[in-house]
Amino acid sequence: MNRVILDVKDILGEVGLEERYSFKQDFAPIKTETTKIEFVEPVTIDIKVENTGAGVRVKGHIKSALNLVCSRCLNEFSFSVDWEVDEVFSTERLPSEEVYAMENSVIDLGPPSEEAFVLAIPMKPLCKEACQGICPICGQPIDKKHRPHEEIKIDKRLEILKGLLKSEEENE
């Protein structure tokens, strides 16, 4: 799990105090049940942290690019993610799922960032909207260079069925 630790003790003295953070951080790949998501570039964090009295509110942007596989052509491509952060970190343990815990004066943006990156991935990632996939006959990407095939390859195990069709046509 990636961690993005910020100590916000400088703004905890008075409600309404703010502090800006802007930096880049490398993230390790995120492992899910089905895949491993790798980052193409460092994660850029540009946020404002504000004291709300019962904790802090984090607003801003967290950006990066992920290495994904196109669901049509199976080529890898870079997918940009720009998460508009608006999260609350509370000093009290609340039973709400919308509030993260703040330990003393420290917040960790790692878990919500990882969650946002995973949720940003489309169900069927495409390298480009017009991707036509791969040819079912030759396995090559279908693009301007790809020529249509005149002869369809038939599985040798099904060749006997082709012979049956020919004999039926001859009998008619």
N, C-alpha and C. Protein backbone atom coordinates (compact mmCIF):
# COMPACT_ATOMS: atom_id res chain seq x y z
N MET A 1 0.84 -1.18 0.00
CA MET A 1 0.00 0.00 0.00
C MET A 1 0.89 1.24 0.00
N ASN A 2 0.53 2.16 -0.86
CA ASN A 2 1.27 3.43 -0.95
C ASN A 2 0.83 4.36 0.17
N ARG A 3 1.78 5.14 0.62
CA ARG A 3 1.48 6.08 1.69
C ARG A 3 1.90 7.48 1.25
N VAL A 4 1.04 8.44 1.56
CA VAL A 4 1.33 9.86 1.32
C VAL A 4 1.05 10.55 2.65
N ILE A 5 2.08 10.67 3.47
CA ILE A 5 1.95 11.17 4.84
C ILE A 5 2.17 12.68 4.87
N LEU A 6 1.20 13.38 5.48
CA LEU A 6 1.31 14.82 5.68
C LEU A 6 1.07 15.13 7.15
N ASP A 7 1.96 15.93 7.73
CA ASP A 7 1.78 16.39 9.10
C ASP A 7 1.19 17.79 9.03
N VAL A 8 -0.04 17.93 9.53
CA VAL A 8 -0.77 19.19 9.40
C VAL A 8 -0.86 19.95 10.72
N LYS A 9 0.10 19.72 11.63
CA LYS A 9 0.03 20.33 12.96
C LYS A 9 0.08 21.86 12.90
N ASP A 10 0.68 22.45 11.84
CA ASP A 10 0.80 23.91 11.75
C ASP A 10 -0.56 24.60 11.59
N ILE A 11 -1.57 23.90 11.10
CA ILE A 11 -2.87 24.55 10.89
C ILE A 11 -3.91 24.12 11.91
N LEU A 12 -3.57 23.24 12.84
CA LEU A 12 -4.56 22.72 13.79
C LEU A 12 -4.86 23.69 14.93
N GLY A 13 -4.13 24.78 15.05
CA GLY A 13 -4.34 25.71 16.15
C GLY A 13 -5.60 26.55 16.04
N GLU A 14 -6.02 26.84 14.81
CA GLU A 14 -7.16 27.74 14.65
C GLU A 14 -8.02 27.28 13.46
N VAL A 15 -9.34 27.30 13.65
CA VAL A 15 -10.27 26.92 12.59
C VAL A 15 -10.14 27.89 11.42
N GLY A 16 -10.08 27.36 10.20
CA GLY A 16 -9.98 28.18 9.01
C GLY A 16 -8.57 28.33 8.46
N LEU A 17 -7.55 27.96 9.25
CA LEU A 17 -6.18 28.03 8.73
C LEU A 17 -6.01 27.04 7.59
N GLU A 18 -5.21 27.43 6.59
CA GLU A 18 -4.98 26.60 5.41
C GLU A 18 -3.49 26.46 5.15
N GLU A 19 -3.17 25.38 4.45
CA GLU A 19 -1.80 25.18 3.99
C GLU A 19 -1.85 24.46 2.65
N ARG A 20 -0.98 24.88 1.72
CA ARG A 20 -0.92 24.26 0.40
C ARG A 20 0.27 23.30 0.33
N TYR A 21 0.05 22.20 -0.38
CA TYR A 21 1.09 21.21 -0.62
C TYR A 21 1.13 20.92 -2.11
N SER A 22 2.32 20.93 -2.66
CA SER A 22 2.50 20.62 -4.07
C SER A 22 3.81 19.85 -4.22
N PHE A 23 3.70 18.58 -4.63
CA PHE A 23 4.89 17.75 -4.78
C PHE A 23 4.58 16.54 -5.65
N LYS A 24 5.63 15.81 -6.01
CA LYS A 24 5.49 14.57 -6.79
C LYS A 24 6.02 13.42 -5.93
N GLN A 25 5.40 12.26 -6.12
CA GLN A 25 5.82 11.09 -5.37
C GLN A 25 5.65 9.85 -6.24
N ASP A 26 6.64 8.96 -6.20
CA ASP A 26 6.54 7.69 -6.92
C ASP A 26 5.61 6.76 -6.15
N PHE A 27 4.76 6.05 -6.88
CA PHE A 27 3.85 5.07 -6.30
C PHE A 27 4.26 3.68 -6.77
N ALA A 28 4.23 2.73 -5.86
CA ALA A 28 4.44 1.33 -6.22
C ALA A 28 3.18 0.84 -6.94
N PRO A 29 3.30 -0.21 -7.75
CA PRO A 29 2.10 -0.73 -8.43
C PRO A 29 1.01 -1.11 -7.42
N ILE A 30 -0.23 -0.92 -7.82
CA ILE A 30 -1.38 -1.28 -6.99
C ILE A 30 -1.82 -2.68 -7.40
N LYS A 31 -1.88 -3.58 -6.45
CA LYS A 31 -2.30 -4.96 -6.75
C LYS A 31 -3.76 -5.13 -6.33
N THR A 32 -4.58 -5.53 -7.31
CA THR A 32 -5.99 -5.83 -7.03
C THR A 32 -6.17 -7.34 -7.12
N GLU A 33 -7.39 -7.80 -6.98
CA GLU A 33 -7.65 -9.24 -7.05
C GLU A 33 -7.33 -9.81 -8.42
N THR A 34 -7.49 -9.02 -9.46
CA THR A 34 -7.33 -9.54 -10.82
C THR A 34 -6.12 -9.01 -11.58
N THR A 35 -5.54 -7.92 -11.15
CA THR A 35 -4.47 -7.32 -11.94
C THR A 35 -3.50 -6.51 -11.08
N LYS A 36 -2.43 -6.08 -11.72
CA LYS A 36 -1.45 -5.21 -11.09
C LYS A 36 -1.40 -3.92 -11.91
N ILE A 37 -1.72 -2.80 -11.28
CA ILE A 37 -1.79 -1.51 -11.98
C ILE A 37 -0.47 -0.78 -11.75
N GLU A 38 0.22 -0.50 -12.85
CA GLU A 38 1.51 0.19 -12.76
C GLU A 38 1.37 1.64 -13.17
N PHE A 39 2.18 2.48 -12.56
CA PHE A 39 2.19 3.92 -12.86
C PHE A 39 3.25 4.21 -13.90
N VAL A 40 2.89 5.03 -14.89
CA VAL A 40 3.80 5.41 -15.96
C VAL A 40 4.68 6.58 -15.51
N GLU A 41 4.14 7.41 -14.63
CA GLU A 41 4.85 8.60 -14.17
C GLU A 41 4.58 8.80 -12.69
N PRO A 42 5.39 9.64 -12.04
CA PRO A 42 5.13 9.92 -10.61
C PRO A 42 3.77 10.58 -10.41
N VAL A 43 3.21 10.37 -9.23
CA VAL A 43 1.92 10.97 -8.88
C VAL A 43 2.17 12.42 -8.48
N THR A 44 1.42 13.34 -9.10
CA THR A 44 1.53 14.77 -8.79
C THR A 44 0.41 15.14 -7.83
N ILE A 45 0.80 15.70 -6.71
CA ILE A 45 -0.16 16.08 -5.67
C ILE A 45 -0.13 17.59 -5.53
N ASP A 46 -1.29 18.23 -5.73
CA ASP A 46 -1.43 19.68 -5.61
C ASP A 46 -2.72 19.93 -4.84
N ILE A 47 -2.58 20.13 -3.51
CA ILE A 47 -3.76 20.20 -2.65
C ILE A 47 -3.69 21.37 -1.68
N LYS A 48 -4.87 21.68 -1.12
CA LYS A 48 -4.98 22.66 -0.05
C LYS A 48 -5.63 21.93 1.13
N VAL A 49 -5.04 22.08 2.32
CA VAL A 49 -5.56 21.45 3.53
C VAL A 49 -6.07 22.57 4.44
N GLU A 50 -7.34 22.43 4.88
CA GLU A 50 -7.98 23.46 5.70
C GLU A 50 -8.47 22.87 7.01
N ASN A 51 -8.21 23.58 8.12
CA ASN A 51 -8.69 23.17 9.44
C ASN A 51 -10.19 23.44 9.54
N THR A 52 -10.99 22.38 9.83
CA THR A 52 -12.44 22.53 9.94
C THR A 52 -12.92 22.54 11.39
N GLY A 53 -12.00 22.37 12.32
CA GLY A 53 -12.37 22.32 13.73
C GLY A 53 -12.39 20.89 14.25
N ALA A 54 -13.09 19.99 13.54
CA ALA A 54 -13.15 18.58 13.93
C ALA A 54 -12.18 17.74 13.12
N GLY A 55 -11.34 18.39 12.36
CA GLY A 55 -10.38 17.70 11.51
C GLY A 55 -9.90 18.62 10.41
N VAL A 56 -9.57 18.04 9.26
CA VAL A 56 -9.10 18.84 8.13
C VAL A 56 -9.83 18.40 6.86
N ARG A 57 -9.98 19.35 5.95
CA ARG A 57 -10.56 19.07 4.65
C ARG A 57 -9.46 19.24 3.61
N VAL A 58 -9.34 18.24 2.74
CA VAL A 58 -8.31 18.24 1.70
C VAL A 58 -9.00 18.45 0.36
N LYS A 59 -8.59 19.51 -0.36
CA LYS A 59 -9.14 19.80 -1.69
C LYS A 59 -7.99 20.03 -2.65
N GLY A 60 -8.19 19.62 -3.89
CA GLY A 60 -7.17 19.84 -4.90
C GLY A 60 -7.18 18.75 -5.94
N HIS A 61 -6.02 18.47 -6.52
CA HIS A 61 -5.89 17.46 -7.58
C HIS A 61 -4.74 16.51 -7.29
N ILE A 62 -4.98 15.25 -7.59
CA ILE A 62 -3.94 14.23 -7.56
C ILE A 62 -3.97 13.58 -8.94
N LYS A 63 -2.83 13.63 -9.65
CA LYS A 63 -2.77 13.19 -11.05
C LYS A 63 -1.65 12.20 -11.27
N SER A 64 -1.84 11.35 -12.27
CA SER A 64 -0.80 10.47 -12.75
C SER A 64 -1.28 9.80 -14.03
N ALA A 65 -0.48 8.88 -14.54
CA ALA A 65 -0.86 8.09 -15.71
C ALA A 65 -0.61 6.62 -15.39
N LEU A 66 -1.57 5.79 -15.76
CA LEU A 66 -1.50 4.36 -15.49
C LEU A 66 -1.20 3.60 -16.77
N ASN A 67 -0.52 2.47 -16.64
CA ASN A 67 -0.25 1.60 -17.77
C ASN A 67 -1.37 0.56 -17.83
N LEU A 68 -2.21 0.63 -18.88
CA LEU A 68 -3.34 -0.29 -19.02
C LEU A 68 -3.21 -1.10 -20.31
N VAL A 69 -4.02 -2.15 -20.43
CA VAL A 69 -4.06 -2.99 -21.62
C VAL A 69 -5.40 -2.78 -22.30
N CYS A 70 -5.37 -2.47 -23.60
CA CYS A 70 -6.60 -2.25 -24.37
C CYS A 70 -7.40 -3.54 -24.43
N SER A 71 -8.70 -3.44 -24.19
CA SER A 71 -9.54 -4.63 -24.18
C SER A 71 -9.86 -5.13 -25.59
N ARG A 72 -9.54 -4.36 -26.62
CA ARG A 72 -9.79 -4.80 -28.00
C ARG A 72 -8.55 -5.33 -28.70
N CYS A 73 -7.45 -4.56 -28.65
CA CYS A 73 -6.25 -4.96 -29.39
C CYS A 73 -5.16 -5.56 -28.50
N LEU A 74 -5.35 -5.51 -27.21
CA LEU A 74 -4.43 -6.07 -26.22
C LEU A 74 -3.07 -5.38 -26.16
N ASN A 75 -2.96 -4.17 -26.72
CA ASN A 75 -1.73 -3.38 -26.61
C ASN A 75 -1.77 -2.55 -25.33
N GLU A 76 -0.60 -2.30 -24.77
CA GLU A 76 -0.51 -1.45 -23.58
C GLU A 76 -0.59 0.01 -24.01
N PHE A 77 -1.16 0.84 -23.14
CA PHE A 77 -1.24 2.27 -23.41
C PHE A 77 -1.26 3.02 -22.09
N SER A 78 -0.97 4.32 -22.17
CA SER A 78 -0.94 5.19 -20.99
C SER A 78 -2.32 5.84 -20.82
N PHE A 79 -2.86 5.75 -19.60
CA PHE A 79 -4.19 6.29 -19.30
C PHE A 79 -4.04 7.34 -18.20
N SER A 80 -4.35 8.61 -18.52
CA SER A 80 -4.21 9.70 -17.56
C SER A 80 -5.38 9.74 -16.58
N VAL A 81 -5.06 9.99 -15.32
CA VAL A 81 -6.07 10.11 -14.28
C VAL A 81 -5.85 11.43 -13.55
N ASP A 82 -6.91 12.22 -13.40
CA ASP A 82 -6.87 13.47 -12.65
C ASP A 82 -8.00 13.42 -11.64
N TRP A 83 -7.66 13.10 -10.40
CA TRP A 83 -8.66 12.95 -9.34
C TRP A 83 -8.83 14.30 -8.65
N GLU A 84 -10.06 14.82 -8.66
CA GLU A 84 -10.37 16.06 -7.96
C GLU A 84 -10.69 15.69 -6.51
N VAL A 85 -9.72 15.91 -5.64
CA VAL A 85 -9.82 15.51 -4.25
C VAL A 85 -10.74 16.45 -3.47
N ASP A 86 -11.60 15.87 -2.65
CA ASP A 86 -12.39 16.62 -1.68
C ASP A 86 -12.72 15.64 -0.57
N GLU A 87 -11.78 15.48 0.36
CA GLU A 87 -11.90 14.48 1.43
C GLU A 87 -11.77 15.15 2.79
N VAL A 88 -12.41 14.52 3.78
CA VAL A 88 -12.34 15.02 5.15
C VAL A 88 -11.62 13.99 6.01
N PHE A 89 -10.68 14.46 6.81
CA PHE A 89 -9.96 13.64 7.77
C PHE A 89 -10.34 14.15 9.15
N SER A 90 -10.89 13.29 9.98
CA SER A 90 -11.41 13.70 11.29
C SER A 90 -10.48 13.27 12.41
N THR A 91 -10.43 14.10 13.46
CA THR A 91 -9.66 13.75 14.64
C THR A 91 -10.41 12.74 15.50
N GLU A 92 -11.73 12.65 15.31
CA GLU A 92 -12.55 11.70 16.05
C GLU A 92 -12.87 10.51 15.17
N ARG A 93 -13.02 9.35 15.77
CA ARG A 93 -13.40 8.15 15.03
C ARG A 93 -14.92 8.19 14.81
N LEU A 94 -15.29 8.43 13.55
CA LEU A 94 -16.70 8.49 13.19
C LEU A 94 -17.08 7.25 12.40
N PRO A 95 -18.31 6.75 12.55
CA PRO A 95 -18.72 5.55 11.82
C PRO A 95 -19.04 5.81 10.35
N SER A 96 -18.74 6.97 9.84
CA SER A 96 -19.05 7.31 8.46
C SER A 96 -17.95 6.82 7.52
N GLU A 97 -18.35 6.32 6.36
CA GLU A 97 -17.39 5.87 5.36
C GLU A 97 -16.79 7.05 4.59
N GLU A 98 -17.41 8.22 4.68
CA GLU A 98 -16.96 9.37 3.92
C GLU A 98 -15.89 10.18 4.63
N VAL A 99 -15.51 9.75 5.82
CA VAL A 99 -14.52 10.48 6.60
C VAL A 99 -13.37 9.54 6.93
N TYR A 100 -12.14 10.00 6.69
CA TYR A 100 -10.96 9.22 7.02
C TYR A 100 -10.43 9.65 8.39
N ALA A 101 -9.71 8.75 9.03
CA ALA A 101 -9.17 9.04 10.36
C ALA A 101 -7.86 9.81 10.25
N MET A 102 -7.67 10.71 11.21
CA MET A 102 -6.43 11.47 11.31
C MET A 102 -5.78 11.09 12.63
N GLU A 103 -4.58 10.55 12.58
CA GLU A 103 -3.84 10.15 13.78
C GLU A 103 -3.03 11.34 14.28
N ASN A 104 -3.36 11.86 15.45
CA ASN A 104 -2.72 13.04 16.02
C ASN A 104 -2.82 14.18 15.01
N SER A 105 -1.73 14.56 14.38
CA SER A 105 -1.78 15.63 13.38
C SER A 105 -1.36 15.11 12.01
N VAL A 106 -1.42 13.80 11.81
CA VAL A 106 -0.93 13.18 10.57
C VAL A 106 -2.08 12.59 9.76
N ILE A 107 -2.08 12.90 8.46
CA ILE A 107 -3.06 12.29 7.56
C ILE A 107 -2.30 11.48 6.50
N ASP A 108 -2.94 10.45 5.98
CA ASP A 108 -2.35 9.60 4.94
C ASP A 108 -3.27 9.61 3.72
N LEU A 109 -2.81 10.27 2.66
CA LEU A 109 -3.59 10.35 1.43
C LEU A 109 -3.40 9.12 0.53
N GLY A 110 -2.56 8.18 0.95
CA GLY A 110 -2.29 6.99 0.15
C GLY A 110 -3.52 6.14 -0.14
N PRO A 111 -4.23 5.64 0.90
CA PRO A 111 -5.40 4.79 0.63
C PRO A 111 -6.49 5.44 -0.22
N PRO A 112 -6.91 6.70 0.07
CA PRO A 112 -7.93 7.27 -0.81
C PRO A 112 -7.41 7.51 -2.23
N SER A 113 -6.12 7.79 -2.38
CA SER A 113 -5.55 8.00 -3.71
C SER A 113 -5.57 6.69 -4.50
N GLU A 114 -5.15 5.60 -3.88
CA GLU A 114 -5.17 4.31 -4.55
C GLU A 114 -6.59 3.94 -4.96
N GLU A 115 -7.54 4.17 -4.07
CA GLU A 115 -8.94 3.87 -4.36
C GLU A 115 -9.42 4.68 -5.56
N ALA A 116 -9.06 5.96 -5.61
CA ALA A 116 -9.48 6.82 -6.72
C ALA A 116 -8.86 6.35 -8.04
N PHE A 117 -7.59 5.94 -8.03
CA PHE A 117 -6.94 5.46 -9.24
C PHE A 117 -7.62 4.18 -9.75
N VAL A 118 -7.92 3.26 -8.86
CA VAL A 118 -8.56 2.00 -9.27
C VAL A 118 -9.96 2.27 -9.82
N LEU A 119 -10.72 3.16 -9.16
CA LEU A 119 -12.08 3.46 -9.61
C LEU A 119 -12.11 4.24 -10.92
N ALA A 120 -11.01 4.91 -11.27
CA ALA A 120 -10.96 5.69 -12.51
C ALA A 120 -10.76 4.82 -13.75
N ILE A 121 -10.34 3.58 -13.56
CA ILE A 121 -10.08 2.70 -14.69
C ILE A 121 -11.41 2.25 -15.31
N PRO A 122 -11.58 2.44 -16.61
CA PRO A 122 -12.82 2.00 -17.25
C PRO A 122 -12.96 0.48 -17.20
N MET A 123 -14.20 -0.01 -17.26
CA MET A 123 -14.42 -1.45 -17.24
C MET A 123 -13.77 -2.12 -18.44
N LYS A 124 -13.81 -1.47 -19.58
CA LYS A 124 -13.18 -1.98 -20.79
C LYS A 124 -12.26 -0.88 -21.34
N PRO A 125 -11.01 -0.85 -20.87
CA PRO A 125 -10.10 0.21 -21.32
C PRO A 125 -9.82 0.10 -22.82
N LEU A 126 -9.79 1.25 -23.48
CA LEU A 126 -9.49 1.30 -24.91
C LEU A 126 -8.32 2.23 -25.15
N CYS A 127 -7.38 1.82 -26.00
CA CYS A 127 -6.23 2.65 -26.32
C CYS A 127 -6.67 3.90 -27.08
N LYS A 128 -7.71 3.75 -27.91
CA LYS A 128 -8.36 4.88 -28.58
C LYS A 128 -9.78 4.45 -28.90
N GLU A 129 -10.67 5.40 -28.98
CA GLU A 129 -12.09 5.10 -29.18
C GLU A 129 -12.33 4.32 -30.48
N ALA A 130 -11.52 4.60 -31.51
CA ALA A 130 -11.70 3.96 -32.81
C ALA A 130 -10.95 2.64 -32.94
N CYS A 131 -10.40 2.11 -31.87
CA CYS A 131 -9.65 0.85 -31.93
C CYS A 131 -10.58 -0.25 -32.43
N GLN A 132 -10.12 -0.97 -33.47
CA GLN A 132 -10.94 -2.03 -34.06
C GLN A 132 -10.55 -3.42 -33.56
N GLY A 133 -9.55 -3.49 -32.72
CA GLY A 133 -9.17 -4.78 -32.16
C GLY A 133 -8.20 -5.55 -33.03
N ILE A 134 -8.24 -6.88 -32.90
CA ILE A 134 -7.35 -7.73 -33.67
C ILE A 134 -8.16 -8.62 -34.61
N CYS A 135 -7.53 -9.00 -35.69
CA CYS A 135 -8.17 -9.84 -36.70
C CYS A 135 -8.37 -11.24 -36.13
N PRO A 136 -9.58 -11.79 -36.21
CA PRO A 136 -9.81 -13.12 -35.66
C PRO A 136 -9.15 -14.23 -36.47
N ILE A 137 -8.70 -13.90 -37.69
CA ILE A 137 -8.08 -14.92 -38.54
C ILE A 137 -6.57 -14.95 -38.36
N CYS A 138 -5.93 -13.77 -38.50
CA CYS A 138 -4.46 -13.75 -38.45
C CYS A 138 -3.90 -13.23 -37.12
N GLY A 139 -4.73 -12.58 -36.31
CA GLY A 139 -4.28 -12.10 -35.01
C GLY A 139 -3.55 -10.76 -35.06
N GLN A 140 -3.50 -10.13 -36.23
CA GLN A 140 -2.83 -8.84 -36.36
C GLN A 140 -3.80 -7.72 -36.03
N PRO A 141 -3.29 -6.58 -35.55
CA PRO A 141 -4.18 -5.44 -35.28
C PRO A 141 -4.88 -4.98 -36.55
N ILE A 142 -6.16 -4.67 -36.44
CA ILE A 142 -6.91 -4.18 -37.58
C ILE A 142 -6.69 -2.67 -37.67
N ASP A 143 -5.98 -2.25 -38.72
CA ASP A 143 -5.71 -0.83 -38.95
C ASP A 143 -5.69 -0.59 -40.45
N LYS A 144 -5.20 0.56 -40.89
CA LYS A 144 -5.20 0.90 -42.31
C LYS A 144 -4.33 -0.05 -43.13
N LYS A 145 -3.31 -0.63 -42.53
CA LYS A 145 -2.40 -1.54 -43.23
C LYS A 145 -2.99 -2.94 -43.36
N HIS A 146 -3.93 -3.29 -42.53
CA HIS A 146 -4.49 -4.65 -42.52
C HIS A 146 -5.41 -4.86 -43.73
N ARG A 147 -5.19 -5.93 -44.45
CA ARG A 147 -6.01 -6.28 -45.62
C ARG A 147 -7.02 -7.35 -45.23
N PRO A 148 -8.24 -7.27 -45.78
CA PRO A 148 -9.22 -8.33 -45.49
C PRO A 148 -8.75 -9.67 -46.05
N HIS A 149 -9.08 -10.72 -45.37
CA HIS A 149 -8.67 -12.06 -45.79
C HIS A 149 -9.72 -12.66 -46.70
N GLU A 150 -9.26 -13.22 -47.85
CA GLU A 150 -10.19 -13.85 -48.77
C GLU A 150 -10.53 -15.26 -48.33
N GLU A 151 -9.55 -15.96 -47.84
CA GLU A 151 -9.77 -17.35 -47.43
C GLU A 151 -9.87 -17.42 -45.91
N ILE A 152 -10.91 -18.03 -45.44
CA ILE A 152 -11.09 -18.20 -44.01
C ILE A 152 -10.47 -19.52 -43.61
N LYS A 153 -9.61 -19.49 -42.62
CA LYS A 153 -8.99 -20.72 -42.14
C LYS A 153 -10.04 -21.53 -41.38
N ILE A 154 -10.12 -22.79 -41.72
CA ILE A 154 -11.07 -23.67 -41.06
C ILE A 154 -10.30 -24.64 -40.18
N ASP A 155 -10.79 -24.81 -39.00
CA ASP A 155 -10.20 -25.75 -38.06
C ASP A 155 -10.24 -27.15 -38.68
N LYS A 156 -9.11 -27.84 -38.68
CA LYS A 156 -9.03 -29.16 -39.30
C LYS A 156 -10.03 -30.15 -38.70
N ARG A 157 -10.35 -29.97 -37.46
CA ARG A 157 -11.31 -30.86 -36.82
C ARG A 157 -12.72 -30.69 -37.39
N LEU A 158 -12.99 -29.52 -37.99
CA LEU A 158 -14.30 -29.25 -38.56
C LEU A 158 -14.33 -29.43 -40.08
N GLU A 159 -13.22 -29.81 -40.67
CA GLU A 159 -13.12 -29.99 -42.12
C GLU A 159 -14.14 -31.00 -42.64
N ILE A 160 -14.43 -32.02 -41.87
CA ILE A 160 -15.38 -33.05 -42.29
C ILE A 160 -16.78 -32.47 -42.49
N LEU A 161 -17.14 -31.45 -41.71
CA LEU A 161 -18.44 -30.80 -41.88
C LEU A 161 -18.53 -30.08 -43.23
N LYS A 162 -17.43 -29.51 -43.65
CA LYS A 162 -17.39 -28.84 -44.96
C LYS A 162 -17.64 -29.86 -46.06
N GLY A 163 -17.07 -31.04 -45.91
CA GLY A 163 -17.28 -32.11 -46.88
C GLY A 163 -18.73 -32.56 -46.92
N LEU A 164 -19.39 -32.62 -45.79
CA LEU A 164 -20.80 -33.00 -45.74
C LEU A 164 -21.68 -31.99 -46.46
N LEU A 165 -21.38 -30.71 -46.30
CA LEU A 165 -22.14 -29.67 -46.98
C LEU A 165 -21.99 -29.78 -48.49
N LYS A 166 -20.77 -30.06 -48.97
CA LYS A 166 -20.53 -30.21 -50.41
C LYS A 166 -21.33 -31.38 -50.98
N SER A 167 -21.31 -32.51 -50.27
CA SER A 167 -22.02 -33.70 -50.77
C SER A 167 -23.54 -33.46 -50.78
N GLU A 168 -24.05 -32.68 -49.83
CA GLU A 168 -25.47 -32.38 -49.79
C GLU A 168 -25.87 -31.48 -50.95
N GLU A 169 -25.01 -30.52 -51.29
CA GLU A 169 -25.26 -29.63 -52.43
C GLU A 169 -25.25 -30.40 -53.75
N GLU A 170 -24.38 -31.38 -53.87
CA GLU A 170 -24.29 -32.18 -55.10
C GLU A 170 -25.53 -33.04 -55.28
N ASN A 171 -26.14 -33.50 -54.19
CA ASN A 171 -27.32 -34.36 -54.25
C ASN A 171 -28.56 -33.59 -54.67
N GLU A 172 -28.57 -32.29 -54.55
CA GLU A 172 -29.75 -31.50 -54.88
C GLU A 172 -29.93 -31.27 -56.33
